[in-house]
Amino acid sequence: MQVGSDLSVRFATFGSRSIVTHALMGIGFVGAVISGLFVNGQIGLISMVAFINFTAGMWISQSIHSLGNAATDDEYNGVLLEVLDRV
């Protein structure tokens, strides 16, 4: 009997979680650039800062997650090589 859903089984490896985390960081940064350039006034400034803070938080989370993975014998060599292996 399977405990988790198919999605949780798919993201059981560190590389898959790393790709998702980096994708969220990319989306947050793009959101910061778009809101900073195209939204006027205080709303644009607040949105840009919020997106930058979200991206920074995801970066810190990924860094801590990577430090925890370094203690294992996982064959993870970085997100770029993970993406290249899947393409």
Protein backbone atom coordinates (compact mmCIF):
# COMPACT_ATOMS: atom_id res chain seq x y z
CA MET A 1 0.00 0.00 0.00
CA GLN A 2 1.38 3.36 -1.02
CA VAL A 3 1.54 5.95 1.75
CA GLY A 4 2.00 9.15 -0.28
CA SER A 5 0.45 10.37 -3.46
CA ASP A 6 2.16 10.01 -6.82
CA LEU A 7 3.34 13.61 -6.56
CA SER A 8 5.02 13.06 -3.19
CA VAL A 9 6.71 9.91 -4.49
CA ARG A 10 7.98 11.82 -7.53
CA PHE A 11 9.48 14.55 -5.32
CA ALA A 12 11.10 12.12 -2.89
CA THR A 13 14.52 12.70 -4.45
CA PHE A 14 16.53 15.79 -3.59
CA GLY A 15 17.08 16.72 -7.25
CA SER A 16 13.36 16.97 -7.97
CA ARG A 17 12.77 19.14 -4.92
CA SER A 18 15.73 21.30 -5.91
CA ILE A 19 14.31 21.89 -9.39
CA VAL A 20 10.95 22.94 -7.92
CA THR A 21 12.65 25.28 -5.43
CA HIS A 22 14.75 26.89 -8.16
CA ALA A 23 11.67 27.28 -10.37
CA LEU A 24 9.87 29.08 -7.53
CA MET A 25 12.89 31.35 -7.06
CA GLY A 26 12.87 32.15 -10.77
CA ILE A 27 9.16 32.93 -10.74
CA GLY A 28 9.61 35.17 -7.71
CA PHE A 29 12.46 37.08 -9.32
CA VAL A 30 10.57 37.53 -12.59
CA GLY A 31 7.60 38.77 -10.56
CA ALA A 32 9.86 41.30 -8.83
CA VAL A 33 11.21 42.60 -12.13
CA ILE A 34 7.76 42.82 -13.73
CA SER A 35 6.14 44.52 -10.76
CA GLY A 36 9.09 46.91 -10.41
CA LEU A 37 8.96 47.93 -14.05
CA PHE A 38 5.26 47.92 -14.88
CA VAL A 39 3.32 48.64 -11.67
CA ASN A 40 3.26 52.31 -10.72
CA GLY A 41 3.51 53.96 -7.33
CA GLN A 42 3.71 52.47 -3.89
CA ILE A 43 1.95 49.27 -4.95
CA GLY A 44 4.71 48.53 -7.45
CA LEU A 45 7.42 49.20 -4.88
CA ILE A 46 5.75 47.08 -2.21
CA SER A 47 5.12 44.25 -4.69
CA MET A 48 8.71 44.31 -5.88
CA VAL A 49 10.08 44.18 -2.33
CA ALA A 50 7.67 41.35 -1.44
CA PHE A 51 8.76 39.30 -4.45
CA ILE A 52 12.44 39.92 -3.66
CA ASN A 53 11.88 38.86 -0.04
CA PHE A 54 10.08 35.71 -1.20
CA THR A 55 12.95 34.88 -3.56
CA ALA A 56 15.51 35.47 -0.80
CA GLY A 57 13.55 33.22 1.56
CA MET A 58 13.44 30.46 -1.03
CA TRP A 59 17.19 30.87 -1.58
CA ILE A 60 17.86 30.49 2.15
CA SER A 61 15.57 27.45 2.28
CA GLN A 62 17.39 25.85 -0.64
CA SER A 63 20.76 26.56 0.98
CA ILE A 64 19.72 24.93 4.25
CA HIS A 65 18.17 22.03 2.35
CA SER A 66 21.43 21.56 0.39
CA LEU A 67 23.48 21.53 3.58
CA GLY A 68 21.28 18.75 4.94
CA ASN A 69 21.67 16.78 1.73
CA ALA A 70 25.46 17.12 1.76
CA ALA A 71 25.65 14.66 4.66
CA THR A 72 24.05 11.92 2.56
CA ASP A 73 25.59 9.85 -0.21
CA ASP A 74 23.26 11.32 -2.82
CA GLU A 75 24.66 11.84 -6.31
CA TYR A 76 23.37 15.43 -6.57
CA ASN A 77 25.73 17.73 -8.51
CA GLY A 78 23.65 20.89 -8.81
CA VAL A 79 20.40 21.99 -10.34
CA LEU A 80 21.84 22.63 -13.80
CA LEU A 81 23.12 19.07 -14.12
CA GLU A 82 19.76 17.79 -12.78
CA VAL A 83 17.94 19.65 -15.55
CA LEU A 84 20.42 18.47 -18.19
CA ASP A 85 19.99 14.85 -17.03
CA ARG A 86 16.22 15.14 -17.47
CA VAL A 87 16.31 16.77 -20.91
